[in-house]
Amino acid sequence: REIHPQALDREAFRPYGDFMDLLRVPQIERREGDNIFAPDLLKLHLEGGAASVCVARVSECERVISALEYHQFTCEGILPLDGDIDIFVGPSSFRVDPETVVASGAKGTFVRLNPGVLHGRQFVVDSPEVNVLILLPERTFGNDCTFFPLKGEEQIRITL
């Protein structure tokens, strides 16, 4: 017996699941900016809930931590797909202390952030832009995301 691989076709594949080319997301392709986020692209139904597949396109910009966010009840998964990024994190203290910030994220390295961990946008390391897979429970940005900007003297510059 033999089979021959066929190109993915949405209608033919529908009985088995769904798919999306995460490197060519229409919502991102039509926009410009230094960080673009496309939430809830696909759902992964899991025991007790659903994970949401999101994509961020991270572009070159000034490497300054100017805002923070955290999720009180959920983890966040971050996977740089096609380049290296810097991910900053800090303990759950509602402020970032430069002495406790960690920044790194190599292409292909999956990072899990625990609930309550301070974090924010990612920064490219050595390419103009990087596509980043983000895994969260669906609608996290509507129901479990606390976001706050940092004032000028609170901001932190990330150096290479």
Protein backbone atom coordinates (compact mmCIF):
# COMPACT_ATOMS: atom_id res chain seq x y z
CA ARG A 1 0.00 0.00 0.00
CA GLU A 2 1.09 3.53 -0.68
CA ILE A 3 -0.15 7.02 0.01
CA HIS A 4 0.97 10.27 -1.55
CA PRO A 5 1.20 13.44 0.55
CA GLN A 6 -1.22 16.14 -0.57
CA ALA A 7 -1.13 19.87 0.05
CA LEU A 8 -3.18 20.88 3.07
CA ASP A 9 -6.66 21.96 2.11
CA ARG A 10 -8.92 23.46 4.76
CA GLU A 11 -12.12 21.72 3.68
CA ALA A 12 -10.50 18.33 3.15
CA PHE A 13 -8.70 18.56 6.52
CA ARG A 14 -11.71 19.87 8.53
CA PRO A 15 -12.80 16.40 9.81
CA TYR A 16 -9.35 16.01 11.38
CA GLY A 17 -8.76 19.50 12.80
CA ASP A 18 -7.61 22.88 11.53
CA PHE A 19 -4.32 24.52 10.57
CA MET A 20 -2.75 27.91 9.99
CA ASP A 21 0.58 29.07 8.60
CA LEU A 22 1.80 31.04 11.62
CA LEU A 23 4.51 32.77 9.58
CA ARG A 24 1.92 34.30 7.20
CA VAL A 25 -1.00 35.50 9.31
CA PRO A 26 -3.39 37.77 7.34
CA GLN A 27 -4.14 39.99 10.36
CA ILE A 28 -0.41 40.71 10.71
CA GLU A 29 0.46 40.97 7.01
CA ARG A 30 -1.95 43.90 6.55
CA ARG A 31 -0.56 45.99 9.44
CA GLU A 32 2.63 47.87 10.16
CA GLY A 33 4.27 48.62 13.47
CA ASP A 34 7.08 47.59 15.77
CA ASN A 35 5.00 44.93 17.56
CA ILE A 36 1.85 43.38 16.13
CA PHE A 37 -0.25 40.84 18.01
CA ALA A 38 -2.87 38.50 16.56
CA PRO A 39 -4.71 36.71 19.41
CA ASP A 40 -6.89 33.60 19.40
CA LEU A 41 -6.00 32.34 15.91
CA LEU A 42 -6.66 28.66 16.66
CA LYS A 43 -7.99 26.83 19.73
CA LEU A 44 -6.54 23.71 21.30
CA HIS A 45 -9.28 22.09 23.35
CA LEU A 46 -7.70 20.54 26.42
CA GLU A 47 -9.03 18.84 29.53
CA GLY A 48 -10.76 21.61 31.50
CA GLY A 49 -10.40 24.41 28.94
CA ALA A 50 -8.89 25.58 25.70
CA ALA A 51 -5.49 26.98 24.78
CA SER A 52 -5.41 29.79 22.28
CA VAL A 53 -2.74 30.00 19.58
CA CYS A 54 -1.64 33.60 19.11
CA VAL A 55 1.15 35.16 17.05
CA ALA A 56 3.16 38.30 17.68
CA ARG A 57 5.41 39.82 15.04
CA VAL A 58 8.20 41.56 16.93
CA SER A 59 10.12 44.23 15.01
CA GLU A 60 13.17 46.37 15.68
CA CYS A 61 12.50 49.23 18.06
CA GLU A 62 14.07 51.09 20.93
CA ARG A 63 14.96 48.43 23.53
CA VAL A 64 13.17 50.01 26.48
CA ILE A 65 10.80 48.28 28.91
CA SER A 66 8.01 50.86 29.00
CA ALA A 67 5.07 48.76 30.19
CA LEU A 68 4.36 45.64 32.24
CA GLU A 69 1.68 43.01 32.33
CA TYR A 70 0.88 39.91 34.29
CA HIS A 71 -1.74 37.17 34.33
CA GLN A 72 -3.01 36.35 37.79
CA PHE A 73 -4.39 32.87 37.05
CA THR A 74 -2.74 31.60 33.88
CA CYS A 75 0.64 30.65 32.46
CA GLU A 76 1.84 32.03 29.13
CA GLY A 77 3.89 30.11 26.57
CA ILE A 78 6.30 31.97 24.27
CA LEU A 79 8.12 30.38 21.31
CA PRO A 80 10.24 32.46 18.90
CA LEU A 81 9.76 30.77 15.53
CA ASP A 82 12.28 32.32 13.18
CA GLY A 83 14.78 34.39 15.16
CA ASP A 84 16.16 35.20 18.59
CA ILE A 85 14.31 37.56 20.94
CA ASP A 86 14.82 39.05 24.37
CA ILE A 87 12.06 38.28 26.86
CA PHE A 88 12.12 40.23 30.08
CA VAL A 89 10.59 38.83 33.25
CA GLY A 90 10.48 39.87 36.87
CA PRO A 91 9.00 38.58 40.12
CA SER A 92 5.43 39.37 41.14
CA SER A 93 6.16 42.67 42.82
CA PHE A 94 4.21 45.11 40.60
CA ARG A 95 7.45 46.84 39.63
CA VAL A 96 10.50 45.74 37.68
CA ASP A 97 13.77 45.84 39.58
CA PRO A 98 16.70 45.86 37.11
CA GLU A 99 18.58 43.53 39.47
CA THR A 100 15.94 40.78 39.05
CA VAL A 101 15.15 41.09 35.33
CA VAL A 102 16.08 38.16 33.10
CA ALA A 103 16.15 38.62 29.32
CA SER A 104 16.70 35.92 26.70
CA GLY A 105 14.91 33.72 24.17
CA ALA A 106 16.64 31.73 21.48
CA LYS A 107 14.84 30.67 18.30
CA GLY A 108 13.04 27.39 18.91
CA THR A 109 13.20 27.66 22.71
CA PHE A 110 9.76 27.38 24.35
CA VAL A 111 9.43 29.58 27.46
CA ARG A 112 6.65 29.10 30.04
CA LEU A 113 5.82 32.06 32.28
CA ASN A 114 4.13 31.22 35.57
CA PRO A 115 1.03 33.09 36.75
CA GLY A 116 1.89 36.46 38.30
CA VAL A 117 5.24 36.87 36.52
CA LEU A 118 5.80 40.42 35.29
CA HIS A 119 6.57 40.57 31.57
CA GLY A 120 5.78 42.54 28.44
CA ARG A 121 6.66 42.93 24.80
CA GLN A 122 9.59 41.04 23.35
CA PHE A 123 12.57 42.59 21.56
CA VAL A 124 14.41 41.27 18.47
CA VAL A 125 18.09 40.45 18.93
CA ASP A 126 19.73 40.27 15.50
CA SER A 127 17.06 40.42 12.80
CA PRO A 128 14.55 43.03 11.59
CA GLU A 129 11.55 41.00 12.79
CA VAL A 130 10.67 37.71 14.47
CA ASN A 131 7.39 35.79 14.52
CA VAL A 132 6.57 34.54 18.02
CA LEU A 133 4.01 31.87 18.94
CA ILE A 134 2.10 32.76 22.12
CA LEU A 135 -0.01 30.12 23.91
CA LEU A 136 -2.60 31.28 26.44
CA PRO A 137 -6.06 30.24 27.56
CA GLU A 138 -8.49 31.78 25.10
CA ARG A 139 -9.58 35.36 25.80
CA THR A 140 -6.80 35.87 28.38
CA PHE A 141 -6.32 39.44 27.22
CA GLY A 142 -9.97 40.11 28.02
CA ASN A 143 -10.26 38.38 31.37
CA ASP A 144 -6.83 37.81 33.02
CA CYS A 145 -4.40 40.52 31.94
CA THR A 146 -3.33 43.45 34.07
CA PHE A 147 -1.35 45.98 32.04
CA PHE A 148 0.27 49.18 33.20
CA PRO A 149 2.72 51.66 31.63
CA LEU A 150 5.95 52.68 33.35
CA LYS A 151 6.80 56.34 33.94
CA GLY A 152 10.01 57.71 32.47
CA GLU A 153 12.20 57.08 35.54
CA GLU A 154 10.74 53.56 35.99
CA GLN A 155 11.59 52.44 32.45
CA ILE A 156 14.55 50.10 31.86
CA ARG A 157 16.82 50.01 28.81
CA ILE A 158 17.91 46.55 27.62
CA THR A 159 21.46 46.58 26.26
CA LEU A 160 23.14 44.02 24.02
